[in-house]
C-alpha cells in the first residue's frame, strides 16, 4: 500500500479499508480542496464524505513531489500526477 504514504493519516484512516478491499481495481484517488474524496475503481466510484482542507492538499503535494513541485510542473498542468510504480 505504498500509495498511502503520500496521504495524511487522518485521510488514510477514512479510505484504507476501501482501498485494501479493491486495490487491484483502483484507478484513481481524487482528492480536491473542500470537496468529497472520490475513489475510482474499474467498475465503480466510492464517495467519501470528507472535505479535504487546503493545508491537507499542500501536504499531499509536498509528499508526492518530494518537496520539488517544479519537477512535476508539467503533470500538474495536465491535471494529474502519476506516482512511481503506477501508470
Protein backbone atom coordinates (compact mmCIF):
# COMPACT_ATOMS: atom_id res chain seq x y z
CA UNK A 1 0.00 0.00 0.00
CA UNK A 2 2.80 2.36 -0.93
CA UNK A 3 0.28 4.89 -2.25
CA UNK A 4 -0.95 5.59 1.29
CA UNK A 5 2.41 7.08 2.33
CA UNK A 6 1.57 10.20 0.30
CA UNK A 7 -1.68 10.86 2.16
CA UNK A 8 -2.12 12.35 5.67
CA UNK A 9 -3.00 9.73 8.29
CA UNK A 10 -6.47 11.10 9.04
CA UNK A 11 -7.43 10.63 5.38
CA UNK A 12 -5.75 7.21 5.23
CA UNK A 13 -7.92 6.14 8.15
CA UNK A 14 -11.03 7.08 6.11
CA UNK A 15 -10.09 5.33 2.85
CA UNK A 16 -7.75 2.48 3.77
CA UNK A 17 -10.37 -0.28 4.09
CA UNK A 18 -11.96 0.57 0.72
CA UNK A 19 -8.56 0.64 -0.98
CA UNK A 20 -7.40 -2.63 0.55
CA UNK A 21 -10.62 -4.40 -0.40
CA UNK A 22 -10.46 -3.18 -4.01
CA UNK A 23 -6.76 -2.46 -4.59
CA UNK A 24 -6.47 -4.43 -7.85
CA UNK A 25 -9.23 -2.34 -9.44
CA UNK A 26 -8.17 1.05 -8.02
CA UNK A 27 -7.63 3.53 -10.85
CA UNK A 28 -7.72 6.92 -9.18
CA UNK A 29 -7.92 8.68 -5.85
CA UNK A 30 -9.44 12.10 -6.41
CA UNK A 31 -8.69 14.50 -3.57
CA UNK A 32 -9.67 18.13 -4.06
CA UNK A 33 -9.88 21.03 -1.65
CA UNK A 34 -13.27 21.43 0.04
CA UNK A 35 -14.76 18.54 -1.97
CA UNK A 36 -15.56 14.92 -1.07
CA UNK A 37 -12.85 12.33 -1.76
CA UNK A 38 -13.62 10.04 -4.70
CA UNK A 39 -12.13 6.58 -5.07
CA UNK A 40 -12.44 5.42 -8.67
CA UNK A 41 -12.32 1.70 -9.28
CA UNK A 42 -12.68 -0.14 -12.59
CA UNK A 43 -16.43 -0.64 -12.25
CA UNK A 44 -17.49 1.80 -9.56
CA UNK A 45 -16.82 5.01 -7.68
CA UNK A 46 -16.97 5.44 -3.94
CA UNK A 47 -17.56 8.89 -2.49
CA UNK A 48 -16.08 9.55 0.93
CA UNK A 49 -17.98 12.31 2.70
CA UNK A 50 -14.93 14.23 3.91
CA UNK A 51 -13.89 17.65 2.66
CA UNK A 52 -10.12 17.95 2.40
CA UNK A 53 -8.60 21.21 3.59
CA UNK A 54 -6.19 23.29 1.53
CA UNK A 55 -3.45 22.54 4.07
CA UNK A 56 -4.01 18.80 3.57
CA UNK A 57 -3.78 19.28 -0.22
CA UNK A 58 -0.46 21.13 0.21
CA UNK A 59 0.82 18.36 2.47
CA UNK A 60 -0.09 15.73 -0.12
CA UNK A 61 1.60 17.75 -2.88
CA UNK A 62 4.78 18.02 -0.83
CA UNK A 63 4.82 14.26 -0.22
CA UNK A 64 4.15 13.36 -3.85
CA UNK A 65 6.56 15.91 -5.34
CA UNK A 66 9.27 15.18 -2.78
CA UNK A 67 9.27 18.90 -1.94
CA UNK A 68 10.12 19.75 -5.57
CA UNK A 69 6.82 20.82 -7.12
CA UNK A 70 8.73 22.39 -10.04
CA UNK A 71 9.88 18.98 -11.26
CA UNK A 72 6.23 17.86 -11.51
CA UNK A 73 5.01 21.08 -13.11
CA UNK A 74 4.08 19.54 -16.48
CA UNK A 75 1.99 16.77 -14.91
CA UNK A 76 0.32 19.26 -12.57
CA UNK A 77 -0.58 21.47 -15.54
CA UNK A 78 -2.18 18.40 -17.15
CA UNK A 79 -4.31 17.93 -14.03
CA UNK A 80 -2.80 14.78 -12.53
CA UNK A 81 0.37 13.26 -11.12
CA UNK A 82 1.42 9.70 -11.85
CA UNK A 83 3.11 8.04 -8.90
CA UNK A 84 6.15 5.83 -9.16
CA UNK A 85 5.17 2.24 -9.87
CA UNK A 86 1.70 3.21 -11.16
CA UNK A 87 0.96 4.50 -14.65
